[in-house]
Amino acid sequence: MSRCAYLLTVCALALGLVAGTNLTASATPRVPVFSPGAPGAGDPYFPDMGNGGYDVSHYDIRLAFDPKTKAISATTTILARATQNLSRFNLDFQGPLKISKLSVNGRDASYARSGAQELVITPRHGLWRGSLFRVSVTYAGVPRKIDDPALGLSGWVATKDGAVALNQPIGAATYYPVNDTPDDKATYTQTITVPTGLTVLANGEPGLTTHHGGRTTFRWNMRRPMASELAMLAIGSYNVTRGVTAGGLPNITAIGKSIDTVAGQGKVFNQTTARVIQWESSVYGRYPFDSTGGILADVGVHYALETQSRPVYDQRNSHVDGDLLAHELGHQWFGDSLTPVHWSDIWLNEGFATYSEWLYQEKFNGVPVAKTFADTYAHEDNWTGKVADPGRDAIFDDLVYNRGAMTLQALRQKIGDRAFFQVLRDWPTTHRYGNVSTQTFIRFVEHLTHRNLTPFFQTWLYKPGKPTL
């Protein structure tokens, strides 16, 4: 064999070897790797809340309530999309409610309760990343409210004639299985059956109400993304008033019959709600939901809550006057439509809502915002914490509310009225229905004003101590 022929033979053999190796590799099937979703969503204040590995798009809650026993029987169906190849995943589900059936995509799945709130679900087959899946959980029992020493009552709160569910910050899982993190918003359908004579109110718009065998079924739909901490349910004896705002927005308000003792109170409540919504829309831009309203209830939690589209006001807390409505309805833009990624950023809710009160006082009661700011600055006696990182037990403290509002007024003084009120309109419009952080807000304002405001925000939001004016 000539040297040239020998080299050609070697090359041919080498090429064949390489080709054979490639064919062998490509013929070997790739084994998919499925892994468990995280048992928490990563919030430093509430590490067990929420879960990883999927994103919920819709909750369908079908629930029957027995006022004699205070028990519920319910089926919650969740539509979600896997964000990784899932071997198993968790839902948040608290308290003594007993599960009788659980399925994933229509097939029975194994499950276990772990710790205080983890419901660990293992489907028969792994769920591919990007795939839609449906979880259905049937359960019953008497829900148990949460009484946190620092944060107060939340979740399913029994009342004399029914119950009210107020979920901020950790109460949703007391009556339905949920991915209980503000960072996973979803739409909701709530179908609630009660003895005829009771009324059910919830977020969003009412659907068909039907009667059968001494029981009435109410249907409510929230078609805009909603965080679980903003979901609401009120069952009891209520006087309901229906109206519209000047802009034509449906306005549904209700007052518990046991506290509706002032003639015309329901009409005033409805009209004041409509007036505040119309005025705030002129300041903050288009109202972000499809209806508005409010519920005045004797629930005994000693606070009002900005539940989405329809805040709940506890009669024992205070009278429902204009500035309180301005606060909770202001949340519809700041806190509900725009929701913080983490609870440390809650000043983006409460600072803006408190500033809504200040603007209301100036508009309707003749008290200048500058005076409210000066009085608050002079009389605030706690300057030790960080507004944008108050700590788990301080998320509802004056540090967040008053100093958050003071930060906004100080910003107004720094950038001027024109730019400031543009921020108030463009910020909720740009991030409508999304999740935001303090850093997102800082970058937004700096981009709008073309100014470096990092030192300003560092002083007002992150540095303990009383800022120098």
Protein backbone atom coordinates (compact mmCIF):
# COMPACT_ATOMS: atom_id res chain seq x y z
CA MET A 1 0.00 0.00 0.00
CA SER A 2 1.35 3.39 -0.92
CA ARG A 3 1.83 5.99 1.76
CA CYS A 4 -0.97 8.11 0.23
CA ALA A 5 -3.40 5.19 0.20
CA TYR A 6 -2.44 4.35 3.79
CA LEU A 7 -3.19 7.92 4.95
CA LEU A 8 -6.53 7.88 3.15
CA THR A 9 -7.49 4.64 4.87
CA VAL A 10 -6.56 6.00 8.31
CA CYS A 11 -8.56 9.17 7.69
CA ALA A 12 -11.56 7.17 6.55
CA LEU A 13 -11.39 4.98 9.65
CA ALA A 14 -11.08 8.04 11.88
CA LEU A 15 -14.05 9.73 10.25
CA GLY A 16 -16.08 6.58 10.64
CA LEU A 17 -15.17 6.32 14.30
CA VAL A 18 -16.21 9.91 14.96
CA ALA A 19 -19.45 9.53 13.03
CA GLY A 20 -20.23 6.34 14.86
CA THR A 21 -19.65 8.00 18.20
CA ASN A 22 -22.01 10.85 17.31
CA LEU A 23 -24.69 8.45 16.15
CA THR A 24 -24.42 6.51 19.36
CA ALA A 25 -24.72 9.69 21.49
CA SER A 26 -27.71 11.05 19.61
CA ALA A 27 -29.49 7.73 19.90
CA THR A 28 -29.28 7.81 23.70
CA PRO A 29 -32.51 9.40 25.04
CA ARG A 30 -32.13 12.34 27.40
CA VAL A 31 -33.69 11.60 30.77
CA PRO A 32 -35.78 14.57 31.97
CA VAL A 33 -34.90 15.89 35.39
CA PHE A 34 -37.83 16.77 37.64
CA SER A 35 -37.31 18.41 41.02
CA PRO A 36 -39.50 19.72 43.87
CA GLY A 37 -40.69 23.32 43.87
CA ALA A 38 -39.39 25.51 46.69
CA PRO A 39 -41.47 25.47 49.91
CA GLY A 40 -41.24 29.27 50.20
CA ALA A 41 -41.32 32.26 47.88
CA GLY A 42 -38.19 33.90 49.28
CA ASP A 43 -39.64 36.78 51.28
CA PRO A 44 -37.24 37.47 54.18
CA TYR A 45 -40.06 38.51 56.53
CA PHE A 46 -42.27 35.47 55.81
CA PRO A 47 -39.97 32.72 54.53
CA ASP A 48 -42.66 30.01 54.69
CA MET A 49 -45.24 31.98 52.74
CA GLY A 50 -45.70 31.24 49.07
CA ASN A 51 -44.00 28.52 47.07
CA GLY A 52 -41.77 28.10 44.05
CA GLY A 53 -41.91 26.16 40.80
CA TYR A 54 -45.18 27.43 39.38
CA ASP A 55 -47.28 30.51 38.70
CA VAL A 56 -51.03 30.59 39.42
CA SER A 57 -53.34 32.20 36.89
CA HIS A 58 -56.78 31.53 38.44
CA TYR A 59 -58.51 30.39 41.64
CA ASP A 60 -62.03 28.95 41.57
CA ILE A 61 -63.35 28.77 45.15
CA ARG A 62 -66.67 26.96 45.64
CA LEU A 63 -67.67 27.10 49.28
CA ALA A 64 -70.77 26.41 51.38
CA PHE A 65 -71.13 27.92 54.85
CA ASP A 66 -73.25 26.67 57.77
CA PRO A 67 -73.88 29.50 60.27
CA LYS A 68 -75.01 27.04 62.95
CA THR A 69 -71.78 25.09 63.10
CA LYS A 70 -69.55 27.82 61.56
CA ALA A 71 -68.20 25.07 59.28
CA ILE A 72 -67.42 25.26 55.60
CA SER A 73 -67.31 22.61 52.90
CA ALA A 74 -65.40 23.65 49.82
CA THR A 75 -63.57 22.75 46.65
CA THR A 76 -60.84 25.07 45.40
CA THR A 77 -59.53 24.54 41.88
CA ILE A 78 -56.28 26.20 40.87
CA LEU A 79 -55.03 26.73 37.33
CA ALA A 80 -51.26 27.21 37.18
CA ARG A 81 -48.24 26.97 34.90
CA ALA A 82 -45.07 25.14 35.88
CA THR A 83 -41.94 27.32 35.84
CA GLN A 84 -39.63 24.31 36.17
CA ASN A 85 -39.89 20.55 35.68
CA LEU A 86 -41.82 19.71 38.83
CA SER A 87 -41.71 16.40 40.65
CA ARG A 88 -43.84 17.86 43.45
CA PHE A 89 -44.99 21.26 44.66
CA ASN A 90 -46.44 22.96 47.72
CA LEU A 91 -49.53 25.01 48.48
CA ASP A 92 -50.13 27.02 51.65
CA PHE A 93 -53.01 25.61 53.69
CA GLN A 94 -53.41 26.24 57.42
CA GLY A 95 -55.51 25.10 60.31
CA PRO A 96 -57.78 22.14 60.99
CA LEU A 97 -59.57 21.87 57.63
CA LYS A 98 -59.62 18.22 56.54
CA ILE A 99 -58.95 17.27 52.93
CA SER A 100 -61.14 14.53 51.46
CA LYS A 101 -59.98 14.58 47.84
CA LEU A 102 -57.07 16.05 45.88
CA SER A 103 -56.31 15.72 42.19
CA VAL A 104 -53.85 17.09 39.65
CA ASN A 105 -55.10 17.27 36.06
CA GLY A 106 -58.11 15.16 37.02
CA ARG A 107 -56.12 12.29 38.52
CA ASP A 108 -55.77 11.56 42.22
CA ALA A 109 -52.46 12.80 43.61
CA SER A 110 -50.68 11.97 46.85
CA TYR A 111 -50.32 14.72 49.44
CA ALA A 112 -49.07 15.38 52.94
CA ARG A 113 -49.39 18.19 55.47
CA SER A 114 -46.05 19.53 56.68
CA GLY A 115 -45.45 22.07 59.42
CA ALA A 116 -47.93 24.85 60.11
CA GLN A 117 -49.00 25.60 56.55
CA GLU A 118 -47.36 23.42 53.89
CA LEU A 119 -49.51 21.15 51.74
CA VAL A 120 -47.03 18.99 49.78
CA ILE A 121 -48.50 17.54 46.57
CA THR A 122 -46.94 14.82 44.43
CA PRO A 123 -48.67 14.24 41.09
CA ARG A 124 -48.57 10.83 39.40
CA HIS A 125 -46.28 12.17 36.72
CA GLY A 126 -43.84 15.05 36.64
CA LEU A 127 -45.09 18.38 35.34
CA TRP A 128 -43.09 19.79 32.45
CA ARG A 129 -41.80 23.33 32.59
CA GLY A 130 -44.22 25.64 30.77
CA SER A 131 -47.15 23.23 31.01
CA LEU A 132 -50.53 24.23 32.39
CA PHE A 133 -51.89 22.10 35.21
CA ARG A 134 -55.01 22.05 37.33
CA VAL A 135 -55.14 21.26 41.06
CA SER A 136 -58.45 20.52 42.76
CA VAL A 137 -58.72 20.24 46.57
CA THR A 138 -61.93 19.28 48.41
CA TYR A 139 -61.99 19.95 52.15
CA ALA A 140 -64.23 20.80 55.11
CA GLY A 141 -64.17 21.96 58.72
CA VAL A 142 -64.26 25.09 60.86
CA PRO A 143 -61.62 27.61 59.71
CA ARG A 144 -59.40 29.10 62.38
CA LYS A 145 -58.31 32.75 62.29
CA ILE A 146 -54.72 33.87 62.84
CA ASP A 147 -53.97 36.04 65.87
CA ASP A 148 -50.41 37.26 65.49
CA PRO A 149 -49.06 39.19 68.52
CA ALA A 150 -47.44 41.84 66.32
CA LEU A 151 -49.73 41.88 63.26
CA GLY A 152 -53.18 41.24 64.73
CA LEU A 153 -56.09 39.20 63.40
CA SER A 154 -56.25 37.93 59.85
CA GLY A 155 -57.81 35.16 57.83
CA TRP A 156 -61.27 33.71 58.41
CA VAL A 157 -62.84 35.67 61.28
CA ALA A 158 -66.17 34.41 62.58
CA THR A 159 -68.85 37.03 63.32
CA LYS A 160 -72.21 36.89 65.09
CA ASP A 161 -74.10 36.24 61.85
CA GLY A 162 -71.44 34.81 59.57
CA ALA A 163 -67.79 35.45 58.82
CA VAL A 164 -65.42 37.91 57.20
CA ALA A 165 -62.16 36.85 55.55
CA LEU A 166 -59.38 39.47 55.75
CA ASN A 167 -56.11 38.02 54.56
CA GLN A 168 -53.35 40.59 55.04
CA PRO A 169 -50.66 39.51 55.51
CA ILE A 170 -50.90 35.76 56.18
CA GLY A 171 -54.59 34.80 56.39
CA ALA A 172 -55.66 33.50 52.97
CA ALA A 173 -54.56 29.93 53.67
CA THR A 174 -56.99 29.66 56.59
CA TYR A 175 -59.87 28.88 54.20
CA TYR A 176 -58.44 27.91 50.82
CA PRO A 177 -55.23 26.33 49.48
CA VAL A 178 -53.15 29.06 47.90
CA ASN A 179 -49.75 30.23 46.75
CA ASP A 180 -49.80 32.85 49.49
CA THR A 181 -47.29 35.41 48.24
CA PRO A 182 -47.97 38.92 46.89
CA ASP A 183 -45.65 38.07 44.00
CA ASP A 184 -48.07 35.57 42.44
CA LYS A 185 -51.24 37.38 41.42
CA ALA A 186 -54.21 35.60 39.87
CA THR A 187 -57.83 36.13 38.88
CA TYR A 188 -60.60 34.74 41.10
CA THR A 189 -64.05 33.21 40.91
CA GLN A 190 -65.85 32.78 44.23
CA THR A 191 -69.11 30.80 44.35
CA ILE A 192 -70.51 30.87 47.88
CA THR A 193 -73.64 29.10 49.12
CA VAL A 194 -75.38 30.17 52.36
CA PRO A 195 -78.83 29.82 53.95
CA THR A 196 -81.32 32.10 52.25
CA GLY A 197 -81.50 35.40 54.12
CA LEU A 198 -77.76 35.85 54.41
CA THR A 199 -75.76 37.93 51.94
CA VAL A 200 -72.32 37.26 50.46
CA LEU A 201 -69.96 39.98 49.23
CA ALA A 202 -66.55 39.52 47.68
CA ASN A 203 -64.02 41.12 45.34
CA GLY A 204 -64.95 42.15 41.83
CA GLU A 205 -68.29 41.95 40.09
CA PRO A 206 -71.37 39.91 40.98
CA GLY A 207 -72.56 37.08 38.78
CA LEU A 208 -75.82 35.19 38.77
CA THR A 209 -77.46 34.67 42.19
CA THR A 210 -79.60 31.52 42.45
CA HIS A 211 -81.93 30.03 45.07
CA HIS A 212 -82.58 26.35 45.75
CA GLY A 213 -83.94 24.44 48.73
CA GLY A 214 -83.65 27.23 51.27
CA ARG A 215 -80.10 28.09 50.18
CA THR A 216 -78.77 30.93 48.06
CA THR A 217 -75.64 30.85 45.92
CA PHE A 218 -73.75 34.06 45.21
CA ARG A 219 -71.11 34.36 42.48
CA TRP A 220 -68.35 36.96 42.36
CA ASN A 221 -65.62 37.40 39.75
CA MET A 222 -62.35 39.33 40.04
CA ARG A 223 -61.06 39.51 36.47
CA ARG A 224 -57.95 41.57 37.24
CA PRO A 225 -54.82 40.07 38.81
CA MET A 226 -55.08 40.01 42.61
CA ALA A 227 -52.67 39.08 45.37
CA SER A 228 -54.03 36.53 47.84
CA GLU A 229 -53.62 38.98 50.75
CA LEU A 230 -56.21 41.21 49.04
CA ALA A 231 -58.88 38.55 48.52
CA MET A 232 -62.00 39.09 50.63
CA LEU A 233 -65.21 37.33 51.59
CA ALA A 234 -68.02 38.67 53.79
CA ILE A 235 -70.99 36.52 54.86
CA GLY A 236 -73.79 37.89 57.03
CA SER A 237 -76.81 40.15 57.21
CA TYR A 238 -76.06 43.27 55.17
CA ASN A 239 -77.95 46.17 53.66
CA VAL A 240 -76.52 46.56 50.15
CA THR A 241 -76.54 49.82 48.17
CA ARG A 242 -75.80 49.84 44.45
CA GLY A 243 -74.86 52.95 42.52
CA VAL A 244 -72.40 54.30 39.98
CA THR A 245 -69.64 56.87 40.12
CA ALA A 246 -69.75 60.02 38.00
CA GLY A 247 -67.59 58.14 35.51
CA GLY A 248 -70.11 55.27 35.27
CA LEU A 249 -68.21 52.77 37.42
CA PRO A 250 -70.43 50.26 39.28
CA ASN A 251 -70.30 51.01 43.01
CA ILE A 252 -71.48 48.34 45.47
CA THR A 253 -71.39 49.16 49.17
CA ALA A 254 -72.83 47.30 52.15
CA ILE A 255 -73.38 47.90 55.86
CA GLY A 256 -74.01 45.19 58.43
CA LYS A 257 -77.66 45.38 59.51
CA SER A 258 -76.74 45.36 63.20
CA ILE A 259 -74.73 48.60 62.79
CA ASP A 260 -76.83 50.29 60.08
CA THR A 261 -78.65 52.41 62.63
CA VAL A 262 -78.43 55.90 61.14
CA ALA A 263 -81.04 56.92 58.58
CA GLY A 264 -79.47 57.36 55.17
CA GLN A 265 -76.12 55.94 56.26
CA GLY A 266 -75.99 53.48 53.37
CA LYS A 267 -76.63 56.17 50.78
CA VAL A 268 -73.98 58.48 52.26
CA PHE A 269 -71.44 55.65 52.37
CA ASN A 270 -72.09 54.84 48.73
CA GLN A 271 -71.99 58.45 47.57
CA THR A 272 -68.82 59.28 49.52
CA THR A 273 -67.11 56.23 48.05
CA ALA A 274 -68.11 57.38 44.55
CA ARG A 275 -66.86 60.91 45.21
CA VAL A 276 -63.49 59.76 46.51
CA ILE A 277 -62.96 57.36 43.61
CA GLN A 278 -63.81 60.05 41.08
CA TRP A 279 -61.42 62.54 42.70
CA GLU A 280 -58.57 60.04 43.09
CA SER A 281 -58.96 59.04 39.45
CA SER A 282 -58.31 62.66 38.51
CA VAL A 283 -55.04 62.57 40.51
CA TYR A 284 -53.76 59.01 39.94
CA GLY A 285 -55.19 58.19 36.54
CA ARG A 286 -57.80 55.65 35.45
CA TYR A 287 -59.20 53.49 38.24
CA PRO A 288 -57.62 50.05 37.77
CA PHE A 289 -60.62 47.77 38.39
CA ASP A 290 -64.08 47.18 36.95
CA SER A 291 -66.14 48.13 40.01
CA THR A 292 -65.67 49.77 43.38
CA GLY A 293 -67.41 49.94 46.74
CA GLY A 294 -66.84 49.02 50.36
CA ILE A 295 -68.16 47.00 53.29
CA LEU A 296 -68.82 48.34 56.77
CA ALA A 297 -68.87 45.35 59.12
CA ASP A 298 -68.86 44.55 62.83
CA VAL A 299 -65.92 42.18 62.58
CA GLY A 300 -63.80 43.19 65.57
CA VAL A 301 -60.37 43.36 63.98
CA HIS A 302 -59.88 47.08 64.77
CA TYR A 303 -58.62 48.06 61.33
CA ALA A 304 -59.77 48.79 57.80
CA LEU A 305 -58.30 46.82 54.90
CA GLU A 306 -57.82 47.69 51.24
CA THR A 307 -59.26 44.43 49.88
CA GLN A 308 -59.21 44.68 46.10
CA SER A 309 -62.04 46.74 44.56
CA ARG A 310 -64.06 46.64 47.80
CA PRO A 311 -62.33 47.62 51.07
CA VAL A 312 -63.62 46.39 54.42
CA TYR A 313 -64.02 48.87 57.30
CA ASP A 314 -64.42 47.57 60.83
CA GLN A 315 -67.08 49.62 62.59
CA ARG A 316 -65.34 49.09 65.93
CA ASN A 317 -62.18 50.71 64.57
CA SER A 318 -63.47 54.13 63.59
CA HIS A 319 -66.17 55.99 61.71
CA VAL A 320 -65.93 55.66 57.97
CA ASP A 321 -65.20 59.27 57.10
CA GLY A 322 -63.78 60.73 53.93
CA ASP A 323 -60.10 60.57 54.75
CA LEU A 324 -60.33 56.91 55.81
CA LEU A 325 -62.05 56.14 52.51
CA ALA A 326 -59.36 58.14 50.72
CA HIS A 327 -56.72 55.94 52.37
CA GLU A 328 -58.27 52.56 51.56
CA LEU A 329 -59.46 53.56 48.09
CA GLY A 330 -56.08 55.12 47.35
CA HIS A 331 -54.68 51.65 47.93
CA GLN A 332 -56.55 50.46 44.85
CA TRP A 333 -53.79 52.13 42.85
CA PHE A 334 -50.98 51.75 45.40
CA GLY A 335 -50.93 48.29 46.96
CA ASP A 336 -53.62 46.53 44.93
CA SER A 337 -52.93 47.29 41.27
CA LEU A 338 -49.26 47.89 42.16
CA THR A 339 -48.18 45.31 44.74
CA PRO A 340 -44.76 45.09 46.39
CA VAL A 341 -42.56 42.14 45.54
CA HIS A 342 -41.53 41.83 49.19
CA TRP A 343 -43.19 42.91 52.43
CA SER A 344 -40.21 45.13 53.25
CA ASP A 345 -41.47 47.48 50.50
CA ILE A 346 -44.89 47.97 52.10
CA TRP A 347 -44.27 51.72 52.43
CA LEU A 348 -45.10 51.80 48.69
CA ASN A 349 -48.61 50.83 49.84
CA GLU A 350 -49.05 52.68 53.09
CA GLY A 351 -47.00 55.81 52.37
CA PHE A 352 -49.01 56.53 49.23
CA ALA A 353 -52.33 55.71 50.92
CA THR A 354 -51.51 58.00 53.85
CA TYR A 355 -50.52 60.71 51.40
CA SER A 356 -53.95 60.20 49.79
CA GLU A 357 -55.44 61.17 53.16
CA TRP A 358 -53.30 64.32 53.21
CA LEU A 359 -54.40 65.26 49.70
CA TYR A 360 -58.04 64.62 50.65
CA GLN A 361 -57.75 66.87 53.70
CA GLU A 362 -56.35 69.63 51.52
CA LYS A 363 -58.97 69.20 48.77
CA PHE A 364 -62.10 68.80 50.87
CA ASN A 365 -61.27 70.16 54.34
CA GLY A 366 -58.89 73.01 53.55
CA VAL A 367 -55.90 71.61 55.46
CA PRO A 368 -52.75 72.12 53.34
CA VAL A 369 -50.54 69.09 52.80
CA ALA A 370 -47.56 71.23 53.84
CA LYS A 371 -49.17 71.80 57.26
CA THR A 372 -49.92 68.10 57.75
CA PHE A 373 -46.32 67.32 56.84
CA ALA A 374 -44.95 69.94 59.25
CA ASP A 375 -47.17 68.73 62.09
CA THR A 376 -46.25 65.09 61.47
CA TYR A 377 -42.55 65.93 61.25
CA ALA A 378 -42.74 67.88 64.52
CA HIS A 379 -44.67 65.30 66.50
CA GLU A 380 -43.31 61.99 65.17
CA ASP A 381 -41.32 60.52 68.06
CA ASN A 382 -39.88 57.36 66.54
CA TRP A 383 -37.13 57.85 63.98
CA THR A 384 -35.12 54.72 64.68
CA GLY A 385 -36.26 52.36 61.92
CA LYS A 386 -35.83 52.13 58.17
CA VAL A 387 -38.93 53.02 56.15
CA ALA A 388 -38.03 50.66 53.30
CA ASP A 389 -37.00 47.83 55.62
CA PRO A 390 -39.06 48.14 58.82
CA GLY A 391 -38.83 44.52 59.94
CA ARG A 392 -41.45 41.80 60.00
CA ASP A 393 -43.23 42.96 63.16
CA ALA A 394 -43.29 46.65 62.14
CA ILE A 395 -44.92 46.50 58.71
CA PHE A 396 -48.05 48.20 60.09
CA ASP A 397 -46.27 50.78 62.26
CA ASP A 398 -46.33 54.59 61.91
CA LEU A 399 -42.80 54.27 60.59
CA VAL A 400 -44.28 52.90 57.37
CA TYR A 401 -47.41 55.06 57.17
CA ASN A 402 -46.40 58.52 58.37
CA ARG A 403 -42.74 58.53 57.42
CA GLY A 404 -43.67 56.95 54.09
CA ALA A 405 -46.03 59.87 53.41
CA MET A 406 -43.41 62.35 54.64
CA THR A 407 -40.96 60.87 52.14
CA LEU A 408 -43.40 61.64 49.34
CA GLN A 409 -43.94 65.22 50.49
CA ALA A 410 -40.18 65.72 50.80
CA LEU A 411 -39.82 64.36 47.27
CA ARG A 412 -42.49 66.80 46.09
CA GLN A 413 -40.54 69.68 47.58
CA LYS A 414 -37.36 68.46 45.93
CA ILE A 415 -38.60 67.83 42.36
CA GLY A 416 -41.50 70.31 42.22
CA ASP A 417 -45.25 69.91 41.81
CA ARG A 418 -45.27 69.29 38.07
CA ALA A 419 -42.87 66.36 38.20
CA PHE A 420 -44.32 65.02 41.45
CA PHE A 421 -47.90 64.80 40.21
CA GLN A 422 -46.63 63.24 37.01
CA VAL A 423 -45.05 60.57 39.22
CA LEU A 424 -48.40 60.02 40.96
CA ARG A 425 -50.06 59.36 37.59
CA ASP A 426 -47.34 57.61 35.61
CA TRP A 427 -46.06 55.28 38.35
CA PRO A 428 -49.35 53.31 38.77
CA THR A 429 -50.06 53.48 35.04
CA THR A 430 -46.67 52.15 33.93
CA HIS A 431 -46.72 49.22 36.37
CA ARG A 432 -50.48 48.52 36.38
CA TYR A 433 -51.30 45.04 37.80
CA GLY A 434 -47.61 44.34 38.43
CA ASN A 435 -45.22 43.90 41.33
CA VAL A 436 -42.78 46.64 42.27
CA SER A 437 -39.95 47.35 44.68
CA THR A 438 -38.44 50.42 46.31
CA GLN A 439 -35.52 50.26 43.90
CA THR A 440 -37.93 50.14 40.97
CA PHE A 441 -39.57 53.29 42.28
CA ILE A 442 -36.27 55.11 42.75
CA ARG A 443 -35.15 54.26 39.21
CA PHE A 444 -38.55 55.35 37.89
CA VAL A 445 -38.40 58.78 39.54
CA GLU A 446 -34.77 59.32 38.53
CA HIS A 447 -35.57 58.45 34.90
CA LEU A 448 -38.59 60.76 34.87
CA THR A 449 -36.74 63.70 36.42
CA HIS A 450 -33.31 63.03 34.89
CA ARG A 451 -31.80 63.51 38.36
CA ASN A 452 -29.67 61.45 40.69
CA LEU A 453 -31.91 61.10 43.75
CA THR A 454 -30.12 58.21 45.42
CA PRO A 455 -28.77 60.32 48.33
CA PHE A 456 -32.26 61.74 48.94
CA PHE A 457 -33.92 58.33 49.07
CA GLN A 458 -31.07 56.90 51.10
CA THR A 459 -31.72 59.54 53.76
CA TRP A 460 -35.50 59.21 53.84
CA LEU A 461 -35.96 55.49 53.28
CA TYR A 462 -32.87 53.64 54.45
CA LYS A 463 -31.11 55.74 57.06
CA PRO A 464 -32.47 55.70 60.64
CA GLY A 465 -32.79 59.09 62.29
CA LYS A 466 -34.73 62.28 61.69
CA PRO A 467 -33.88 63.81 58.30
CA THR A 468 -32.83 67.45 58.23
CA LEU A 469 -35.23 69.56 56.20
